[in-house]
Amino acid sequence: MQKNGLEDVWTSVTALDDLSNSVIDLIASGDFEKAQEVCRKLRQQYPDQVDGIWRLAMVHEARGERTEAAKLYREAADFMRLHEGFDEESIAEIIESARRMEAS
């Protein structure tokens, strides 16, 4: 029974990674609408993970929507501060992304 539990966790992690990584691919191909849809799906299916917020910030950045991107990067950093498993270096990188967006 424990093996099934571990398999379920692994399947969930793999699905999260696949969905999250697909946003990057969609951004690279210029399909921002689909990327935004996937971000909504990420936020609905994995509300306890930062990926949906972080990837949505990336979509807005790619669209040139710097104010919204900065807001979402800061939201992602706040999320990371409130949840275990994120180191200060990762949080600092997200904050730096927000600052880049605010600089222009």
N, C-alpha and C. Protein backbone atom coordinates (compact mmCIF):
# COMPACT_ATOMS: atom_id res chain seq x y z
N MET A 1 0.82 -1.20 0.00
CA MET A 1 0.00 0.00 0.00
C MET A 1 0.86 1.26 0.00
N GLN A 2 1.95 1.25 0.73
CA GLN A 2 2.81 2.42 0.77
C GLN A 2 3.40 2.71 -0.62
N LYS A 3 3.66 1.65 -1.38
CA LYS A 3 4.20 1.86 -2.72
C LYS A 3 3.22 2.68 -3.56
N ASN A 4 1.92 2.36 -3.49
CA ASN A 4 0.93 3.14 -4.23
C ASN A 4 0.93 4.59 -3.78
N GLY A 5 1.07 4.83 -2.48
CA GLY A 5 1.13 6.20 -1.98
C GLY A 5 2.30 6.95 -2.57
N LEU A 6 3.46 6.32 -2.60
CA LEU A 6 4.64 6.95 -3.19
C LEU A 6 4.46 7.16 -4.69
N GLU A 7 3.85 6.20 -5.36
CA GLU A 7 3.59 6.35 -6.80
C GLU A 7 2.64 7.52 -7.05
N ASP A 8 1.63 7.67 -6.18
CA ASP A 8 0.69 8.78 -6.32
C ASP A 8 1.40 10.12 -6.15
N VAL A 9 2.28 10.19 -5.17
CA VAL A 9 3.05 11.43 -4.95
C VAL A 9 3.93 11.71 -6.16
N TRP A 10 4.62 10.69 -6.65
CA TRP A 10 5.50 10.85 -7.80
C TRP A 10 4.70 11.31 -9.02
N THR A 11 3.54 10.71 -9.24
CA THR A 11 2.68 11.09 -10.37
C THR A 11 2.25 12.54 -10.25
N SER A 12 1.91 12.96 -9.05
CA SER A 12 1.49 14.34 -8.82
C SER A 12 2.63 15.32 -9.08
N VAL A 13 3.81 14.99 -8.59
CA VAL A 13 4.99 15.85 -8.78
C VAL A 13 5.32 15.95 -10.26
N THR A 14 5.28 14.83 -10.96
CA THR A 14 5.58 14.82 -12.39
C THR A 14 4.55 15.64 -13.16
N ALA A 15 3.28 15.51 -12.80
CA ALA A 15 2.23 16.29 -13.47
C ALA A 15 2.43 17.78 -13.24
N LEU A 16 2.77 18.16 -12.01
CA LEU A 16 3.04 19.56 -11.69
C LEU A 16 4.21 20.07 -12.51
N ASP A 17 5.29 19.32 -12.54
CA ASP A 17 6.47 19.73 -13.30
C ASP A 17 6.16 19.87 -14.79
N ASP A 18 5.43 18.91 -15.32
CA ASP A 18 5.09 18.95 -16.75
C ASP A 18 4.24 20.18 -17.07
N LEU A 19 3.25 20.43 -16.24
CA LEU A 19 2.37 21.58 -16.45
C LEU A 19 3.15 22.89 -16.33
N SER A 20 3.96 22.98 -15.29
CA SER A 20 4.75 24.18 -15.04
C SER A 20 5.73 24.43 -16.19
N ASN A 21 6.42 23.38 -16.62
CA ASN A 21 7.39 23.53 -17.70
C ASN A 21 6.72 23.84 -19.03
N SER A 22 5.48 23.40 -19.21
CA SER A 22 4.78 23.70 -20.47
C SER A 22 4.53 25.20 -20.62
N VAL A 23 4.40 25.92 -19.50
CA VAL A 23 4.22 27.37 -19.57
C VAL A 23 5.46 28.01 -20.21
N ILE A 24 6.62 27.56 -19.81
CA ILE A 24 7.87 28.10 -20.37
C ILE A 24 7.91 27.85 -21.87
N ASP A 25 7.53 26.65 -22.30
CA ASP A 25 7.52 26.32 -23.72
C ASP A 25 6.51 27.18 -24.48
N LEU A 26 5.34 27.40 -23.87
CA LEU A 26 4.31 28.22 -24.52
C LEU A 26 4.76 29.68 -24.63
N ILE A 27 5.43 30.18 -23.61
CA ILE A 27 5.97 31.54 -23.68
C ILE A 27 6.99 31.63 -24.81
N ALA A 28 7.87 30.65 -24.88
CA ALA A 28 8.91 30.65 -25.92
C ALA A 28 8.30 30.62 -27.32
N SER A 29 7.16 29.96 -27.47
CA SER A 29 6.52 29.89 -28.78
C SER A 29 5.60 31.08 -29.04
N GLY A 30 5.44 31.97 -28.04
CA GLY A 30 4.62 33.16 -28.20
C GLY A 30 3.14 32.93 -27.98
N ASP A 31 2.76 31.77 -27.47
CA ASP A 31 1.36 31.47 -27.22
C ASP A 31 0.98 31.88 -25.79
N PHE A 32 0.87 33.19 -25.59
CA PHE A 32 0.66 33.74 -24.25
C PHE A 32 -0.72 33.41 -23.69
N GLU A 33 -1.72 33.35 -24.55
CA GLU A 33 -3.07 33.01 -24.08
C GLU A 33 -3.10 31.61 -23.49
N LYS A 34 -2.53 30.66 -24.21
CA LYS A 34 -2.49 29.27 -23.73
C LYS A 34 -1.63 29.19 -22.47
N ALA A 35 -0.52 29.91 -22.44
CA ALA A 35 0.34 29.92 -21.25
C ALA A 35 -0.43 30.43 -20.04
N GLN A 36 -1.24 31.47 -20.24
CA GLN A 36 -2.03 32.01 -19.14
C GLN A 36 -3.09 31.01 -18.69
N GLU A 37 -3.69 30.29 -19.62
CA GLU A 37 -4.66 29.25 -19.26
C GLU A 37 -4.00 28.17 -18.41
N VAL A 38 -2.81 27.76 -18.79
CA VAL A 38 -2.10 26.73 -18.03
C VAL A 38 -1.76 27.26 -16.63
N CYS A 39 -1.43 28.52 -16.52
CA CYS A 39 -1.16 29.12 -15.20
C CYS A 39 -2.41 29.07 -14.32
N ARG A 40 -3.56 29.36 -14.91
CA ARG A 40 -4.81 29.27 -14.14
C ARG A 40 -5.04 27.84 -13.65
N LYS A 41 -4.75 26.90 -14.53
CA LYS A 41 -4.88 25.48 -14.18
C LYS A 41 -3.92 25.11 -13.05
N LEU A 42 -2.70 25.59 -13.15
CA LEU A 42 -1.72 25.35 -12.09
C LEU A 42 -2.22 25.88 -10.75
N ARG A 43 -2.75 27.09 -10.76
CA ARG A 43 -3.21 27.70 -9.52
C ARG A 43 -4.41 26.96 -8.94
N GLN A 44 -5.27 26.43 -9.80
CA GLN A 44 -6.43 25.68 -9.34
C GLN A 44 -6.04 24.31 -8.81
N GLN A 45 -5.23 23.59 -9.57
CA GLN A 45 -4.88 22.22 -9.22
C GLN A 45 -3.81 22.12 -8.13
N TYR A 46 -2.96 23.14 -8.03
CA TYR A 46 -1.84 23.10 -7.09
C TYR A 46 -1.75 24.41 -6.31
N PRO A 47 -2.79 24.74 -5.54
CA PRO A 47 -2.79 26.02 -4.81
C PRO A 47 -1.72 26.10 -3.72
N ASP A 48 -1.17 24.95 -3.35
CA ASP A 48 -0.14 24.92 -2.33
C ASP A 48 1.27 24.98 -2.92
N GLN A 49 1.35 25.28 -4.22
CA GLN A 49 2.64 25.40 -4.89
C GLN A 49 2.77 26.80 -5.50
N VAL A 50 3.97 27.28 -5.62
CA VAL A 50 4.22 28.64 -6.12
C VAL A 50 4.19 28.72 -7.65
N ASP A 51 4.25 27.61 -8.32
CA ASP A 51 4.41 27.59 -9.78
C ASP A 51 3.39 28.43 -10.53
N GLY A 52 2.13 28.35 -10.15
CA GLY A 52 1.09 29.09 -10.87
C GLY A 52 1.30 30.59 -10.83
N ILE A 53 1.69 31.09 -9.68
CA ILE A 53 1.94 32.53 -9.52
C ILE A 53 3.20 32.94 -10.28
N TRP A 54 4.25 32.18 -10.07
CA TRP A 54 5.55 32.48 -10.66
C TRP A 54 5.47 32.45 -12.19
N ARG A 55 4.86 31.40 -12.72
CA ARG A 55 4.76 31.28 -14.17
C ARG A 55 3.86 32.37 -14.76
N LEU A 56 2.81 32.74 -14.05
CA LEU A 56 1.95 33.82 -14.54
C LEU A 56 2.72 35.13 -14.59
N ALA A 57 3.59 35.35 -13.63
CA ALA A 57 4.45 36.54 -13.66
C ALA A 57 5.33 36.51 -14.92
N MET A 58 5.83 35.33 -15.25
CA MET A 58 6.66 35.20 -16.45
C MET A 58 5.87 35.50 -17.72
N VAL A 59 4.60 35.07 -17.76
CA VAL A 59 3.75 35.35 -18.92
C VAL A 59 3.57 36.86 -19.08
N HIS A 60 3.27 37.55 -17.97
CA HIS A 60 3.09 39.00 -18.05
C HIS A 60 4.39 39.70 -18.43
N GLU A 61 5.50 39.20 -17.94
CA GLU A 61 6.79 39.78 -18.33
C GLU A 61 7.00 39.63 -19.83
N ALA A 62 6.73 38.45 -20.35
CA ALA A 62 6.92 38.20 -21.78
C ALA A 62 6.01 39.08 -22.63
N ARG A 63 4.85 39.41 -22.11
CA ARG A 63 3.91 40.29 -22.83
C ARG A 63 4.30 41.75 -22.71
N GLY A 64 5.27 42.06 -21.87
CA GLY A 64 5.67 43.44 -21.66
C GLY A 64 4.82 44.14 -20.62
N GLU A 65 4.03 43.39 -19.88
CA GLU A 65 3.16 43.94 -18.84
C GLU A 65 3.93 43.95 -17.52
N ARG A 66 4.84 44.89 -17.44
CA ARG A 66 5.83 44.91 -16.36
C ARG A 66 5.21 45.15 -14.98
N THR A 67 4.21 46.02 -14.89
CA THR A 67 3.60 46.31 -13.59
C THR A 67 2.93 45.07 -13.03
N GLU A 68 2.17 44.37 -13.86
CA GLU A 68 1.49 43.15 -13.42
C GLU A 68 2.52 42.06 -13.11
N ALA A 69 3.56 41.96 -13.93
CA ALA A 69 4.61 40.97 -13.68
C ALA A 69 5.28 41.22 -12.33
N ALA A 70 5.60 42.48 -12.05
CA ALA A 70 6.25 42.82 -10.77
C ALA A 70 5.35 42.44 -9.60
N LYS A 71 4.06 42.76 -9.73
CA LYS A 71 3.10 42.43 -8.66
C LYS A 71 3.07 40.92 -8.41
N LEU A 72 3.05 40.14 -9.48
CA LEU A 72 2.99 38.69 -9.33
C LEU A 72 4.31 38.11 -8.83
N TYR A 73 5.44 38.67 -9.25
CA TYR A 73 6.72 38.20 -8.70
C TYR A 73 6.76 38.45 -7.19
N ARG A 74 6.27 39.60 -6.76
CA ARG A 74 6.24 39.88 -5.32
C ARG A 74 5.27 38.95 -4.59
N GLU A 75 4.15 38.65 -5.23
CA GLU A 75 3.20 37.69 -4.65
C GLU A 75 3.86 36.31 -4.51
N ALA A 76 4.63 35.91 -5.51
CA ALA A 76 5.34 34.64 -5.45
C ALA A 76 6.36 34.64 -4.32
N ALA A 77 7.08 35.74 -4.16
CA ALA A 77 8.06 35.83 -3.07
C ALA A 77 7.37 35.75 -1.71
N ASP A 78 6.24 36.42 -1.57
CA ASP A 78 5.48 36.35 -0.31
C ASP A 78 5.02 34.92 -0.04
N PHE A 79 4.54 34.26 -1.08
CA PHE A 79 4.12 32.86 -0.96
C PHE A 79 5.29 32.01 -0.45
N MET A 80 6.45 32.21 -1.06
CA MET A 80 7.63 31.42 -0.70
C MET A 80 8.05 31.67 0.75
N ARG A 81 7.91 32.90 1.21
CA ARG A 81 8.25 33.20 2.60
C ARG A 81 7.32 32.50 3.58
N LEU A 82 6.06 32.33 3.19
CA LEU A 82 5.05 31.76 4.07
C LEU A 82 5.02 30.23 4.06
N HIS A 83 5.70 29.62 3.12
CA HIS A 83 5.69 28.16 3.00
C HIS A 83 7.09 27.60 3.15
N GLU A 84 7.16 26.43 3.71
CA GLU A 84 8.45 25.77 3.91
C GLU A 84 9.03 25.28 2.59
N GLY A 85 10.34 25.12 2.57
CA GLY A 85 11.01 24.51 1.44
C GLY A 85 11.66 25.48 0.47
N PHE A 86 11.59 26.77 0.74
CA PHE A 86 12.20 27.75 -0.15
C PHE A 86 13.35 28.44 0.57
N ASP A 87 14.50 28.47 -0.08
CA ASP A 87 15.66 29.11 0.54
C ASP A 87 15.67 30.60 0.21
N GLU A 88 16.45 31.32 0.96
CA GLU A 88 16.52 32.79 0.80
C GLU A 88 17.05 33.18 -0.57
N GLU A 89 17.93 32.38 -1.13
CA GLU A 89 18.48 32.68 -2.46
C GLU A 89 17.38 32.64 -3.52
N SER A 90 16.51 31.65 -3.45
CA SER A 90 15.40 31.55 -4.40
C SER A 90 14.45 32.73 -4.26
N ILE A 91 14.15 33.09 -3.03
CA ILE A 91 13.27 34.24 -2.77
C ILE A 91 13.91 35.52 -3.30
N ALA A 92 15.20 35.67 -3.07
CA ALA A 92 15.92 36.86 -3.54
C ALA A 92 15.88 36.96 -5.07
N GLU A 93 15.98 35.82 -5.76
CA GLU A 93 15.92 35.83 -7.23
C GLU A 93 14.56 36.32 -7.72
N ILE A 94 13.50 35.90 -7.04
CA ILE A 94 12.15 36.32 -7.43
C ILE A 94 11.99 37.83 -7.17
N ILE A 95 12.49 38.29 -6.04
CA ILE A 95 12.41 39.72 -5.73
C ILE A 95 13.21 40.54 -6.74
N GLU A 96 14.34 40.02 -7.16
CA GLU A 96 15.14 40.70 -8.19
C GLU A 96 14.36 40.80 -9.50
N SER A 97 13.61 39.76 -9.83
CA SER A 97 12.77 39.81 -11.03
C SER A 97 11.74 40.93 -10.89
N ALA A 98 11.14 41.05 -9.72
CA ALA A 98 10.16 42.13 -9.48
C ALA A 98 10.84 43.49 -9.65
N ARG A 99 12.02 43.64 -9.10
CA ARG A 99 12.73 44.92 -9.20
C ARG A 99 13.07 45.28 -10.63
N ARG A 100 13.45 44.27 -11.41
CA ARG A 100 13.73 44.50 -12.84
C ARG A 100 12.50 45.05 -13.54
N MET A 101 11.34 44.48 -13.20
CA MET A 101 10.10 44.91 -13.83
C MET A 101 9.73 46.33 -13.40
N GLU A 102 10.05 46.68 -12.18
CA GLU A 102 9.71 48.00 -11.65
C GLU A 102 10.68 49.09 -12.09
N ALA A 103 11.85 48.67 -12.57
CA ALA A 103 12.89 49.62 -12.94
C ALA A 103 12.57 50.41 -14.21
N SER A 104 11.66 49.93 -14.99
CA SER A 104 11.41 50.66 -16.24
C SER A 104 10.18 51.51 -16.19
